[in-house]
Amino acid sequence: MATNNRIRVVYVTSSKFKKEENDAFLRECTLSDGRRINDVFEFDIRPVPIQEILNVDLAVMVSAEVVSAYSQLKVPCIVEHAGLVFSEYADRSYPGGLTKPMWDTLRDGFVEETRSAGRSAIARAVVAYCDGKQVQTFVGERAGKIADRPRGGRQFYWDTVFIPEDSAGRSQGLTYAEIVENANLGLAYKMRELSQSSAAMKAFLEYRLQAGEPELWR
């Protein structure tokens, strides 16, 4: 379905931070052909309550969540979730889907309790898409490390402790939260240059362009 020739994407989330980041993603990011995402897609944010399925594998967890969302909405939709993966556990995706409940419990004690200061880590995001017939997942990653303590005031889960690798060197040593607060960088820089969630979402949108309308909705 499209409005004003833009393709509509139903995005299920109740997070104010994800809504804010989605707005920046639309404004700042481009597709592989150079077109601005905001010129091609529009996002219909739906705060549908869905029970989070705990699983260390983010793809398994988000796939179950998008099926739950589709069962309520009865329209093609996406769910996105991100987590940290300690590099030495990359093959087992730990903590992965467990990052959020761990953070919710430990908060500022996360680094100390997980003994992860300076630890190499991957920020991994998965977008799950259900079109009524199948579920597909799209992954985005950003390598980095864990800070010695929470830094930055933007309380979007573990953004205060993850320091992303930045090939341009502009955000060297800053956590995601500090990058967003930096007047010379900001949320636009995070979403355009660094975000694992932007990478996963762009992979989905490229697929959506190629695949066209879902078979059930043509």
N, C-alpha and C. Protein backbone atom coordinates (compact mmCIF):
# COMPACT_ATOMS: atom_id res chain seq x y z
N MET A 1 0.84 -1.19 0.00
CA MET A 1 0.00 0.00 0.00
C MET A 1 0.87 1.25 0.00
N ALA A 2 0.39 2.31 -0.63
CA ALA A 2 1.19 3.52 -0.72
C ALA A 2 0.34 4.75 -0.51
N THR A 3 0.95 5.78 0.01
CA THR A 3 0.30 7.07 0.16
C THR A 3 1.19 8.11 -0.50
N ASN A 4 0.62 8.94 -1.41
CA ASN A 4 1.42 9.93 -2.13
C ASN A 4 2.62 9.27 -2.80
N ASN A 5 2.37 8.08 -3.35
CA ASN A 5 3.38 7.30 -4.07
C ASN A 5 4.51 6.77 -3.17
N ARG A 6 4.36 6.91 -1.87
CA ARG A 6 5.34 6.32 -0.96
C ARG A 6 4.82 4.98 -0.45
N ILE A 7 5.72 4.09 -0.19
CA ILE A 7 5.36 2.76 0.30
C ILE A 7 5.19 2.82 1.81
N ARG A 8 4.06 2.33 2.28
CA ARG A 8 3.79 2.37 3.72
C ARG A 8 4.34 1.13 4.41
N VAL A 9 5.03 1.36 5.52
CA VAL A 9 5.56 0.27 6.35
C VAL A 9 4.94 0.40 7.73
N VAL A 10 4.25 -0.63 8.18
CA VAL A 10 3.68 -0.65 9.53
C VAL A 10 4.75 -1.16 10.49
N TYR A 11 5.14 -0.29 11.39
CA TYR A 11 6.24 -0.54 12.32
C TYR A 11 5.66 -0.60 13.72
N VAL A 12 5.76 -1.77 14.36
CA VAL A 12 5.16 -1.98 15.67
C VAL A 12 6.18 -1.67 16.77
N THR A 13 5.94 -0.60 17.49
CA THR A 13 6.78 -0.23 18.63
C THR A 13 6.04 0.77 19.50
N SER A 14 6.29 0.72 20.79
CA SER A 14 5.74 1.70 21.72
C SER A 14 6.85 2.54 22.34
N SER A 15 8.09 2.38 21.84
CA SER A 15 9.24 3.08 22.40
C SER A 15 9.35 4.49 21.83
N LYS A 16 9.38 5.48 22.68
CA LYS A 16 9.54 6.86 22.22
C LYS A 16 10.91 7.07 21.59
N PHE A 17 11.91 6.32 22.07
CA PHE A 17 13.24 6.44 21.50
C PHE A 17 13.30 5.87 20.09
N LYS A 18 12.64 4.74 19.87
CA LYS A 18 12.61 4.16 18.52
C LYS A 18 11.85 5.06 17.56
N LYS A 19 10.79 5.70 18.02
CA LYS A 19 10.06 6.64 17.17
C LYS A 19 10.96 7.81 16.79
N GLU A 20 11.69 8.33 17.76
CA GLU A 20 12.60 9.44 17.51
C GLU A 20 13.68 9.03 16.52
N GLU A 21 14.23 7.83 16.70
CA GLU A 21 15.27 7.36 15.81
C GLU A 21 14.73 7.07 14.41
N ASN A 22 13.50 6.59 14.34
CA ASN A 22 12.89 6.34 13.03
C ASN A 22 12.71 7.64 12.25
N ASP A 23 12.33 8.71 12.93
CA ASP A 23 12.20 10.01 12.27
C ASP A 23 13.54 10.46 11.69
N ALA A 24 14.61 10.31 12.49
CA ALA A 24 15.94 10.69 12.02
C ALA A 24 16.40 9.78 10.88
N PHE A 25 16.10 8.51 10.98
CA PHE A 25 16.44 7.54 9.93
C PHE A 25 15.80 7.96 8.61
N LEU A 26 14.52 8.32 8.64
CA LEU A 26 13.82 8.73 7.42
C LEU A 26 14.46 9.97 6.81
N ARG A 27 14.84 10.92 7.65
CA ARG A 27 15.40 12.18 7.17
C ARG A 27 16.83 12.03 6.65
N GLU A 28 17.63 11.21 7.34
CA GLU A 28 19.06 11.22 7.13
C GLU A 28 19.60 10.13 6.21
N CYS A 29 18.89 9.02 6.10
CA CYS A 29 19.46 7.86 5.41
C CYS A 29 18.96 7.75 3.98
N THR A 30 19.76 7.07 3.18
CA THR A 30 19.44 6.88 1.77
C THR A 30 19.48 5.40 1.41
N LEU A 31 18.81 5.07 0.32
CA LEU A 31 18.85 3.72 -0.22
C LEU A 31 20.09 3.54 -1.07
N SER A 32 20.33 2.32 -1.53
CA SER A 32 21.54 2.04 -2.30
C SER A 32 21.59 2.80 -3.62
N ASP A 33 20.42 3.21 -4.13
CA ASP A 33 20.39 3.97 -5.38
C ASP A 33 20.49 5.48 -5.16
N GLY A 34 20.69 5.88 -3.89
CA GLY A 34 20.89 7.28 -3.59
C GLY A 34 19.64 8.04 -3.19
N ARG A 35 18.47 7.44 -3.35
CA ARG A 35 17.24 8.13 -2.98
C ARG A 35 17.10 8.22 -1.47
N ARG A 36 16.59 9.36 -1.01
CA ARG A 36 16.33 9.50 0.42
C ARG A 36 15.19 8.57 0.81
N ILE A 37 15.34 7.92 1.95
CA ILE A 37 14.32 6.97 2.39
C ILE A 37 12.98 7.65 2.57
N ASN A 38 12.99 8.88 3.04
CA ASN A 38 11.74 9.61 3.27
C ASN A 38 10.98 9.89 1.97
N ASP A 39 11.68 9.85 0.83
CA ASP A 39 11.02 10.07 -0.46
C ASP A 39 10.36 8.81 -0.99
N VAL A 40 10.73 7.67 -0.44
CA VAL A 40 10.26 6.39 -0.97
C VAL A 40 9.31 5.68 0.00
N PHE A 41 9.58 5.82 1.31
CA PHE A 41 8.82 5.09 2.31
C PHE A 41 8.20 6.04 3.33
N GLU A 42 7.08 5.61 3.88
CA GLU A 42 6.51 6.25 5.06
C GLU A 42 6.25 5.16 6.10
N PHE A 43 6.44 5.50 7.36
CA PHE A 43 6.28 4.53 8.43
C PHE A 43 5.01 4.85 9.23
N ASP A 44 4.23 3.83 9.42
CA ASP A 44 3.00 3.91 10.21
C ASP A 44 3.30 3.23 11.54
N ILE A 45 3.57 4.03 12.57
CA ILE A 45 3.95 3.50 13.88
C ILE A 45 2.71 3.02 14.63
N ARG A 46 2.71 1.77 15.04
CA ARG A 46 1.59 1.19 15.78
C ARG A 46 2.07 0.69 17.14
N PRO A 47 1.60 1.30 18.24
CA PRO A 47 2.01 0.86 19.59
C PRO A 47 1.20 -0.34 20.07
N VAL A 48 1.22 -1.40 19.29
CA VAL A 48 0.47 -2.61 19.63
C VAL A 48 1.19 -3.36 20.74
N PRO A 49 0.49 -3.68 21.83
CA PRO A 49 1.15 -4.42 22.92
C PRO A 49 1.43 -5.86 22.51
N ILE A 50 2.68 -6.24 22.54
CA ILE A 50 3.06 -7.62 22.24
C ILE A 50 3.99 -8.12 23.34
N GLN A 51 3.81 -9.35 23.72
CA GLN A 51 4.64 -9.92 24.77
C GLN A 51 6.03 -10.23 24.22
N GLU A 52 7.06 -9.77 24.90
CA GLU A 52 8.41 -10.05 24.46
C GLU A 52 8.78 -11.49 24.79
N ILE A 53 9.26 -12.18 23.78
CA ILE A 53 9.67 -13.58 23.94
C ILE A 53 11.17 -13.59 24.24
N LEU A 54 11.56 -14.08 25.39
CA LEU A 54 12.97 -14.08 25.76
C LEU A 54 13.70 -15.23 25.09
N ASN A 55 14.72 -14.87 24.32
CA ASN A 55 15.58 -15.86 23.68
C ASN A 55 16.91 -15.19 23.41
N VAL A 56 18.00 -15.87 23.64
CA VAL A 56 19.31 -15.28 23.41
C VAL A 56 19.49 -14.91 21.94
N ASP A 57 18.85 -15.66 21.04
CA ASP A 57 18.93 -15.40 19.60
C ASP A 57 17.92 -14.32 19.23
N LEU A 58 18.40 -13.15 18.86
CA LEU A 58 17.52 -12.02 18.55
C LEU A 58 16.56 -12.35 17.41
N ALA A 59 17.02 -13.09 16.41
CA ALA A 59 16.16 -13.42 15.27
C ALA A 59 14.98 -14.29 15.70
N VAL A 60 15.23 -15.24 16.58
CA VAL A 60 14.15 -16.10 17.08
C VAL A 60 13.16 -15.28 17.87
N MET A 61 13.66 -14.40 18.72
CA MET A 61 12.81 -13.59 19.58
C MET A 61 11.93 -12.64 18.76
N VAL A 62 12.54 -11.91 17.82
CA VAL A 62 11.81 -10.91 17.06
C VAL A 62 10.85 -11.58 16.08
N SER A 63 11.19 -12.73 15.57
CA SER A 63 10.28 -13.46 14.68
C SER A 63 8.99 -13.81 15.40
N ALA A 64 9.10 -14.27 16.64
CA ALA A 64 7.90 -14.59 17.42
C ALA A 64 7.09 -13.33 17.70
N GLU A 65 7.76 -12.22 17.96
CA GLU A 65 7.05 -10.98 18.26
C GLU A 65 6.30 -10.45 17.05
N VAL A 66 6.88 -10.55 15.86
CA VAL A 66 6.19 -10.01 14.68
C VAL A 66 4.99 -10.87 14.30
N VAL A 67 5.06 -12.16 14.58
CA VAL A 67 3.88 -13.02 14.35
C VAL A 67 2.75 -12.60 15.29
N SER A 68 3.11 -12.31 16.53
CA SER A 68 2.11 -11.83 17.49
C SER A 68 1.50 -10.51 17.03
N ALA A 69 2.34 -9.61 16.52
CA ALA A 69 1.86 -8.32 16.04
C ALA A 69 0.94 -8.50 14.85
N TYR A 70 1.34 -9.35 13.91
CA TYR A 70 0.52 -9.56 12.72
C TYR A 70 -0.83 -10.17 13.08
N SER A 71 -0.84 -11.06 14.06
CA SER A 71 -2.10 -11.71 14.45
C SER A 71 -3.12 -10.71 14.98
N GLN A 72 -2.64 -9.58 15.48
CA GLN A 72 -3.54 -8.54 15.98
C GLN A 72 -3.91 -7.53 14.89
N LEU A 73 -2.94 -7.16 14.06
CA LEU A 73 -3.16 -6.11 13.07
C LEU A 73 -3.74 -6.63 11.76
N LYS A 74 -3.36 -7.85 11.40
CA LYS A 74 -3.79 -8.46 10.14
C LYS A 74 -3.33 -7.65 8.93
N VAL A 75 -2.19 -7.00 9.04
CA VAL A 75 -1.55 -6.33 7.91
C VAL A 75 -0.05 -6.60 7.98
N PRO A 76 0.66 -6.58 6.86
CA PRO A 76 2.11 -6.78 6.90
C PRO A 76 2.76 -5.76 7.84
N CYS A 77 3.70 -6.22 8.65
CA CYS A 77 4.30 -5.33 9.65
C CYS A 77 5.70 -5.79 10.01
N ILE A 78 6.41 -4.89 10.70
CA ILE A 78 7.76 -5.20 11.15
C ILE A 78 7.88 -4.94 12.65
N VAL A 79 8.83 -5.65 13.26
CA VAL A 79 9.26 -5.40 14.63
C VAL A 79 10.79 -5.38 14.59
N GLU A 80 11.38 -4.48 15.36
CA GLU A 80 12.85 -4.40 15.41
C GLU A 80 13.31 -4.48 16.86
N HIS A 81 14.40 -5.17 17.07
CA HIS A 81 14.95 -5.29 18.41
C HIS A 81 16.47 -5.37 18.27
N ALA A 82 17.18 -4.75 19.21
CA ALA A 82 18.64 -4.77 19.19
C ALA A 82 19.17 -5.22 20.54
N GLY A 83 20.37 -5.77 20.52
CA GLY A 83 21.01 -6.21 21.75
C GLY A 83 22.51 -6.22 21.58
N LEU A 84 23.20 -6.38 22.69
CA LEU A 84 24.66 -6.49 22.67
C LEU A 84 25.08 -7.95 22.60
N VAL A 85 26.15 -8.19 21.88
CA VAL A 85 26.73 -9.54 21.81
C VAL A 85 28.21 -9.40 22.13
N PHE A 86 28.65 -10.02 23.22
CA PHE A 86 30.07 -10.01 23.54
C PHE A 86 30.82 -10.80 22.46
N SER A 87 31.90 -10.23 21.96
CA SER A 87 32.56 -10.79 20.78
C SER A 87 32.99 -12.25 20.97
N GLU A 88 33.42 -12.60 22.16
CA GLU A 88 33.85 -13.99 22.38
C GLU A 88 32.68 -14.97 22.41
N TYR A 89 31.45 -14.43 22.46
CA TYR A 89 30.25 -15.26 22.42
C TYR A 89 29.45 -15.01 21.14
N ALA A 90 30.12 -14.50 20.10
CA ALA A 90 29.41 -14.14 18.87
C ALA A 90 28.68 -15.33 18.26
N ASP A 91 29.27 -16.52 18.35
CA ASP A 91 28.64 -17.69 17.77
C ASP A 91 27.43 -18.17 18.57
N ARG A 92 27.32 -17.69 19.83
CA ARG A 92 26.19 -18.07 20.66
C ARG A 92 25.27 -16.90 20.96
N SER A 93 25.58 -15.74 20.39
CA SER A 93 24.72 -14.56 20.45
C SER A 93 24.40 -14.10 21.86
N TYR A 94 25.39 -14.19 22.75
CA TYR A 94 25.15 -13.81 24.16
C TYR A 94 25.71 -12.42 24.45
N PRO A 95 24.95 -11.57 25.19
CA PRO A 95 23.62 -11.80 25.73
C PRO A 95 22.47 -11.62 24.74
N GLY A 96 22.71 -10.96 23.61
CA GLY A 96 21.72 -10.90 22.55
C GLY A 96 20.35 -10.46 23.01
N GLY A 97 19.37 -11.35 22.83
CA GLY A 97 17.99 -11.04 23.20
C GLY A 97 17.77 -10.89 24.69
N LEU A 98 18.76 -11.28 25.49
CA LEU A 98 18.65 -11.14 26.94
C LEU A 98 19.19 -9.80 27.44
N THR A 99 19.75 -9.00 26.53
CA THR A 99 20.36 -7.73 26.95
C THR A 99 19.34 -6.83 27.63
N LYS A 100 18.16 -6.70 27.06
CA LYS A 100 17.16 -5.78 27.60
C LYS A 100 16.75 -6.15 29.03
N PRO A 101 16.35 -7.39 29.31
CA PRO A 101 16.00 -7.69 30.70
C PRO A 101 17.17 -7.58 31.66
N MET A 102 18.38 -7.89 31.17
CA MET A 102 19.56 -7.72 32.01
C MET A 102 19.76 -6.24 32.34
N TRP A 103 19.62 -5.39 31.31
CA TRP A 103 19.79 -3.96 31.53
C TRP A 103 18.69 -3.41 32.44
N ASP A 104 17.46 -3.83 32.21
CA ASP A 104 16.35 -3.36 33.04
C ASP A 104 16.58 -3.69 34.51
N THR A 105 17.22 -4.81 34.77
CA THR A 105 17.48 -5.24 36.14
C THR A 105 18.70 -4.56 36.74
N LEU A 106 19.79 -4.52 35.96
CA LEU A 106 21.08 -4.05 36.49
C LEU A 106 21.31 -2.56 36.30
N ARG A 107 20.80 -2.01 35.21
CA ARG A 107 20.96 -0.59 34.86
C ARG A 107 22.42 -0.14 35.01
N ASP A 108 22.68 0.85 35.85
CA ASP A 108 24.04 1.37 35.96
C ASP A 108 25.04 0.34 36.48
N GLY A 109 24.55 -0.77 37.00
CA GLY A 109 25.45 -1.83 37.47
C GLY A 109 25.77 -2.85 36.39
N PHE A 110 25.28 -2.63 35.17
CA PHE A 110 25.46 -3.61 34.09
C PHE A 110 26.93 -3.91 33.83
N VAL A 111 27.74 -2.86 33.68
CA VAL A 111 29.15 -3.06 33.35
C VAL A 111 29.87 -3.82 34.45
N GLU A 112 29.63 -3.43 35.68
CA GLU A 112 30.30 -4.10 36.80
C GLU A 112 29.85 -5.55 36.93
N GLU A 113 28.54 -5.78 36.88
CA GLU A 113 28.02 -7.13 37.11
C GLU A 113 28.41 -8.09 35.99
N THR A 114 28.56 -7.58 34.77
CA THR A 114 28.94 -8.45 33.65
C THR A 114 30.44 -8.44 33.40
N ARG A 115 31.16 -7.66 34.22
CA ARG A 115 32.62 -7.55 34.10
C ARG A 115 33.02 -7.26 32.66
N SER A 116 32.37 -6.27 32.09
CA SER A 116 32.51 -6.04 30.65
C SER A 116 33.21 -4.74 30.28
N ALA A 117 33.77 -4.00 31.24
CA ALA A 117 34.47 -2.76 30.93
C ALA A 117 35.61 -3.03 29.94
N GLY A 118 35.59 -2.31 28.83
CA GLY A 118 36.61 -2.48 27.80
C GLY A 118 36.43 -3.70 26.92
N ARG A 119 35.39 -4.43 27.14
CA ARG A 119 35.16 -5.69 26.42
C ARG A 119 34.71 -5.43 24.98
N SER A 120 35.27 -6.17 24.05
CA SER A 120 34.85 -6.07 22.66
C SER A 120 33.43 -6.61 22.52
N ALA A 121 32.60 -5.87 21.79
CA ALA A 121 31.20 -6.26 21.67
C ALA A 121 30.65 -5.86 20.30
N ILE A 122 29.53 -6.45 19.96
CA ILE A 122 28.82 -6.13 18.73
C ILE A 122 27.42 -5.68 19.08
N ALA A 123 27.02 -4.53 18.54
CA ALA A 123 25.62 -4.12 18.66
C ALA A 123 24.89 -4.73 17.46
N ARG A 124 23.94 -5.59 17.74
CA ARG A 124 23.24 -6.32 16.67
C ARG A 124 21.75 -5.99 16.70
N ALA A 125 21.20 -5.64 15.55
CA ALA A 125 19.77 -5.37 15.43
C ALA A 125 19.17 -6.33 14.42
N VAL A 126 17.93 -6.72 14.70
CA VAL A 126 17.20 -7.59 13.77
C VAL A 126 15.83 -6.99 13.52
N VAL A 127 15.49 -6.82 12.25
CA VAL A 127 14.15 -6.45 11.83
C VAL A 127 13.45 -7.72 11.35
N ALA A 128 12.29 -8.02 11.91
CA ALA A 128 11.49 -9.15 11.47
C ALA A 128 10.27 -8.63 10.73
N TYR A 129 9.99 -9.22 9.58
CA TYR A 129 8.89 -8.80 8.71
C TYR A 129 7.94 -9.97 8.48
N CYS A 130 6.66 -9.75 8.77
CA CYS A 130 5.64 -10.77 8.51
C CYS A 130 4.67 -10.23 7.49
N ASP A 131 4.51 -10.95 6.38
CA ASP A 131 3.61 -10.51 5.32
C ASP A 131 2.31 -11.31 5.28
N GLY A 132 2.11 -12.14 6.31
CA GLY A 132 0.91 -12.96 6.37
C GLY A 132 1.13 -14.39 5.92
N LYS A 133 2.23 -14.63 5.21
CA LYS A 133 2.54 -15.97 4.75
C LYS A 133 3.87 -16.48 5.31
N GLN A 134 4.80 -15.57 5.55
CA GLN A 134 6.11 -15.96 6.04
C GLN A 134 6.72 -14.85 6.87
N VAL A 135 7.76 -15.21 7.60
CA VAL A 135 8.53 -14.24 8.38
C VAL A 135 9.96 -14.24 7.86
N GLN A 136 10.48 -13.05 7.64
CA GLN A 136 11.86 -12.91 7.21
C GLN A 136 12.58 -11.95 8.16
N THR A 137 13.86 -12.17 8.33
CA THR A 137 14.64 -11.33 9.24
C THR A 137 15.81 -10.67 8.51
N PHE A 138 16.17 -9.48 8.99
CA PHE A 138 17.22 -8.68 8.38
C PHE A 138 18.11 -8.16 9.51
N VAL A 139 19.42 -8.35 9.36
CA VAL A 139 20.35 -8.08 10.46
C VAL A 139 21.26 -6.91 10.14
N GLY A 140 21.52 -6.09 11.14
CA GLY A 140 22.51 -5.03 11.05
C GLY A 140 23.42 -5.09 12.26
N GLU A 141 24.70 -4.79 12.08
CA GLU A 141 25.65 -4.88 13.18
C GLU A 141 26.60 -3.68 13.19
N ARG A 142 27.09 -3.38 14.39
CA ARG A 142 28.12 -2.37 14.57
C ARG A 142 29.09 -2.88 15.63
N ALA A 143 30.34 -3.04 15.26
CA ALA A 143 31.36 -3.48 16.22
C ALA A 143 31.73 -2.33 17.15
N GLY A 144 32.20 -2.66 18.33
CA GLY A 144 32.59 -1.64 19.29
C GLY A 144 33.11 -2.27 20.57
N LYS A 145 32.97 -1.53 21.65
CA LYS A 145 33.39 -2.05 22.95
C LYS A 145 32.52 -1.44 24.04
N ILE A 146 32.62 -2.00 25.23
CA ILE A 146 31.84 -1.54 26.37
C ILE A 146 32.65 -0.51 27.16
N ALA A 147 32.00 0.59 27.51
CA ALA A 147 32.66 1.64 28.29
C ALA A 147 32.92 1.16 29.72
N ASP A 148 33.77 1.89 30.44
CA ASP A 148 34.07 1.50 31.81
C ASP A 148 32.93 1.83 32.77
N ARG A 149 32.02 2.72 32.34
CA ARG A 149 30.86 3.10 33.14
C ARG A 149 29.85 3.76 32.22
N PRO A 150 28.58 3.88 32.63
CA PRO A 150 27.60 4.57 31.81
C PRO A 150 27.98 6.04 31.61
N ARG A 151 27.88 6.50 30.35
CA ARG A 151 28.20 7.89 30.04
C ARG A 151 27.17 8.45 29.07
N GLY A 152 26.67 9.63 29.38
CA GLY A 152 25.66 10.27 28.55
C GLY A 152 24.30 10.20 29.22
N GLY A 153 23.48 11.17 28.94
CA GLY A 153 22.19 11.27 29.64
C GLY A 153 21.01 10.67 28.93
N ARG A 154 21.16 10.27 27.66
CA ARG A 154 20.02 9.72 26.91
C ARG A 154 19.82 8.25 27.32
N GLN A 155 18.79 8.02 28.07
CA GLN A 155 18.60 6.71 28.72
C GLN A 155 17.87 5.72 27.82
N PHE A 156 18.47 5.44 26.66
CA PHE A 156 17.91 4.45 25.74
C PHE A 156 18.67 3.14 25.94
N TYR A 157 18.28 2.45 27.01
CA TYR A 157 18.91 1.18 27.37
C TYR A 157 20.43 1.31 27.40
N TRP A 158 21.12 0.41 26.68
CA TRP A 158 22.57 0.31 26.79
C TRP A 158 23.32 1.31 25.92
N ASP A 159 22.64 2.30 25.38
CA ASP A 159 23.33 3.34 24.59
C ASP A 159 24.36 4.09 25.44
N THR A 160 24.20 4.08 26.76
CA THR A 160 25.14 4.78 27.63
C THR A 160 26.44 4.01 27.86
N VAL A 161 26.50 2.76 27.45
CA VAL A 161 27.72 1.97 27.70
C VAL A 161 28.35 1.41 26.43
N PHE A 162 27.73 1.58 25.27
CA PHE A 162 28.31 1.03 24.04
C PHE A 162 29.05 2.11 23.27
N ILE A 163 30.34 1.85 23.00
CA ILE A 163 31.19 2.74 22.21
C ILE A 163 31.37 2.13 20.83
N PRO A 164 30.74 2.70 19.79
CA PRO A 164 30.83 2.10 18.47
C PRO A 164 32.15 2.40 17.78
N GLU A 165 32.62 1.48 16.95
CA GLU A 165 33.74 1.78 16.07
C GLU A 165 33.26 2.78 15.02
N ASP A 166 34.10 3.74 14.72
CA ASP A 166 33.75 4.79 13.78
C ASP A 166 34.93 4.98 12.83
N SER A 167 34.81 4.48 11.60
CA SER A 167 35.93 4.54 10.66
C SER A 167 36.31 5.98 10.32
N ALA A 168 35.36 6.90 10.45
CA ALA A 168 35.64 8.30 10.18
C ALA A 168 36.38 8.97 11.34
N GLY A 169 36.33 8.34 12.50
CA GLY A 169 37.04 8.85 13.66
C GLY A 169 36.39 10.03 14.35
N ARG A 170 35.20 10.40 13.94
CA ARG A 170 34.58 11.61 14.48
C ARG A 170 34.02 11.40 15.89
N SER A 171 33.61 10.19 16.20
CA SER A 171 33.00 9.94 17.51
C SER A 171 33.91 9.10 18.41
N GLN A 172 35.18 9.10 18.11
CA GLN A 172 36.13 8.21 18.80
C GLN A 172 35.98 8.27 20.32
N GLY A 173 35.69 7.11 20.92
CA GLY A 173 35.64 7.00 22.38
C GLY A 173 34.33 7.40 23.01
N LEU A 174 33.37 7.89 22.23
CA LEU A 174 32.09 8.30 22.78
C LEU A 174 31.09 7.16 22.75
N THR A 175 30.24 7.09 23.77
CA THR A 175 29.14 6.13 23.74
C THR A 175 28.05 6.65 22.80
N TYR A 176 27.12 5.77 22.44
CA TYR A 176 25.99 6.22 21.63
C TYR A 176 25.27 7.40 22.28
N ALA A 177 25.07 7.32 23.59
CA ALA A 177 24.35 8.39 24.29
C ALA A 177 25.11 9.71 24.19
N GLU A 178 26.43 9.66 24.30
CA GLU A 178 27.23 10.87 24.19
C GLU A 178 27.24 11.42 22.76
N ILE A 179 27.22 10.53 21.79
CA ILE A 179 27.17 10.95 20.39
C ILE A 179 25.90 11.74 20.11
N VAL A 180 24.78 11.23 20.60
CA VAL A 180 23.50 11.89 20.37
C VAL A 180 23.48 13.28 21.02
N GLU A 181 24.13 13.42 22.16
CA GLU A 181 24.14 14.69 22.89
C GLU A 181 25.18 15.68 22.35
N ASN A 182 26.11 15.20 21.51
CA ASN A 182 27.19 16.04 21.00
C ASN A 182 26.66 16.97 19.91
N ALA A 183 26.89 18.28 20.08
CA ALA A 183 26.36 19.28 19.15
C ALA A 183 26.89 19.11 17.74
N ASN A 184 28.09 18.54 17.60
CA ASN A 184 28.69 18.38 16.27
C ASN A 184 28.36 17.04 15.62
N LEU A 185 27.68 16.17 16.36
CA LEU A 185 27.34 14.84 15.85
C LEU A 185 25.83 14.65 15.89
N GLY A 186 25.31 14.33 17.06
CA GLY A 186 23.87 14.24 17.25
C GLY A 186 23.25 12.94 16.76
N LEU A 187 21.94 12.87 16.90
CA LEU A 187 21.20 11.68 16.50
C LEU A 187 21.33 11.42 15.00
N ALA A 188 21.39 12.50 14.23
CA ALA A 188 21.52 12.34 12.77
C ALA A 188 22.78 11.55 12.42
N TYR A 189 23.89 11.85 13.09
CA TYR A 189 25.14 11.14 12.80
C TYR A 189 25.04 9.68 13.21
N LYS A 190 24.47 9.44 14.38
CA LYS A 190 24.32 8.06 14.81
C LYS A 190 23.53 7.24 13.80
N MET A 191 22.39 7.76 13.39
CA MET A 191 21.51 7.00 12.51
C MET A 191 22.09 6.85 11.10
N ARG A 192 22.77 7.87 10.63
CA ARG A 192 23.29 7.85 9.26
C ARG A 192 24.58 7.04 9.13
N GLU A 193 25.45 7.13 10.14
CA GLU A 193 26.80 6.58 10.00
C GLU A 193 27.09 5.35 10.84
N LEU A 194 26.36 5.15 11.95
CA LEU A 194 26.79 4.15 12.92
C LEU A 194 25.76 3.09 13.27
N SER A 195 24.50 3.42 13.24
CA SER A 195 23.46 2.60 13.86
C SER A 195 23.30 1.22 13.24
N GLN A 196 23.35 0.20 14.08
CA GLN A 196 23.04 -1.15 13.66
C GLN A 196 21.57 -1.28 13.25
N SER A 197 20.71 -0.50 13.88
CA SER A 197 19.29 -0.54 13.55
C SER A 197 19.03 0.05 12.17
N SER A 198 19.75 1.11 11.82
CA SER A 198 19.62 1.68 10.48
C SER A 198 20.06 0.66 9.43
N ALA A 199 21.13 -0.07 9.71
CA ALA A 199 21.62 -1.07 8.76
C ALA A 199 20.60 -2.18 8.55
N ALA A 200 20.00 -2.65 9.64
CA ALA A 200 18.99 -3.71 9.52
C ALA A 200 17.76 -3.19 8.79
N MET A 201 17.33 -1.97 9.11
CA MET A 201 16.14 -1.41 8.48
C MET A 201 16.38 -1.18 6.99
N LYS A 202 17.56 -0.71 6.61
CA LYS A 202 17.84 -0.50 5.19
C LYS A 202 17.85 -1.83 4.43
N ALA A 203 18.36 -2.87 5.06
CA ALA A 203 18.34 -4.19 4.42
C ALA A 203 16.90 -4.63 4.16
N PHE A 204 16.02 -4.39 5.13
CA PHE A 204 14.61 -4.72 4.93
C PHE A 204 13.99 -3.89 3.81
N LEU A 205 14.23 -2.59 3.82
CA LEU A 205 13.63 -1.71 2.82
C LEU A 205 14.09 -2.05 1.40
N GLU A 206 15.37 -2.41 1.26
CA GLU A 206 15.86 -2.83 -0.06
C GLU A 206 15.13 -4.09 -0.52
N TYR A 207 14.92 -5.01 0.41
CA TYR A 207 14.15 -6.22 0.08
C TYR A 207 12.72 -5.85 -0.32
N ARG A 208 12.11 -4.97 0.46
CA ARG A 208 10.72 -4.58 0.19
C ARG A 208 10.57 -3.93 -1.18
N LEU A 209 11.54 -3.13 -1.58
CA LEU A 209 11.51 -2.53 -2.91
C LEU A 209 11.60 -3.59 -4.00
N GLN A 210 12.47 -4.55 -3.80
CA GLN A 210 12.67 -5.59 -4.81
C GLN A 210 11.48 -6.55 -4.88
N ALA A 211 10.94 -6.91 -3.72
CA ALA A 211 9.87 -7.90 -3.67
C ALA A 211 8.51 -7.34 -4.08
N GLY A 212 8.30 -6.05 -3.88
CA GLY A 212 7.00 -5.46 -4.18
C GLY A 212 5.97 -5.79 -3.12
N GLU A 213 4.71 -5.52 -3.45
CA GLU A 213 3.63 -5.77 -2.49
C GLU A 213 3.56 -7.25 -2.15
N PRO A 214 3.31 -7.59 -0.89
CA PRO A 214 3.14 -9.01 -0.51
C PRO A 214 2.04 -9.66 -1.32
N GLU A 215 2.20 -10.93 -1.60
CA GLU A 215 1.26 -11.65 -2.46
C GLU A 215 -0.19 -11.55 -1.98
N LEU A 216 -0.38 -11.62 -0.67
CA LEU A 216 -1.74 -11.56 -0.13
C LEU A 216 -2.39 -10.20 -0.31
N TRP A 217 -1.59 -9.17 -0.60
CA TRP A 217 -2.09 -7.79 -0.62
C TRP A 217 -2.01 -7.16 -2.00
N ARG A 218 -1.75 -7.96 -3.02
CA ARG A 218 -1.70 -7.43 -4.39
C ARG A 218 -3.11 -7.31 -4.96
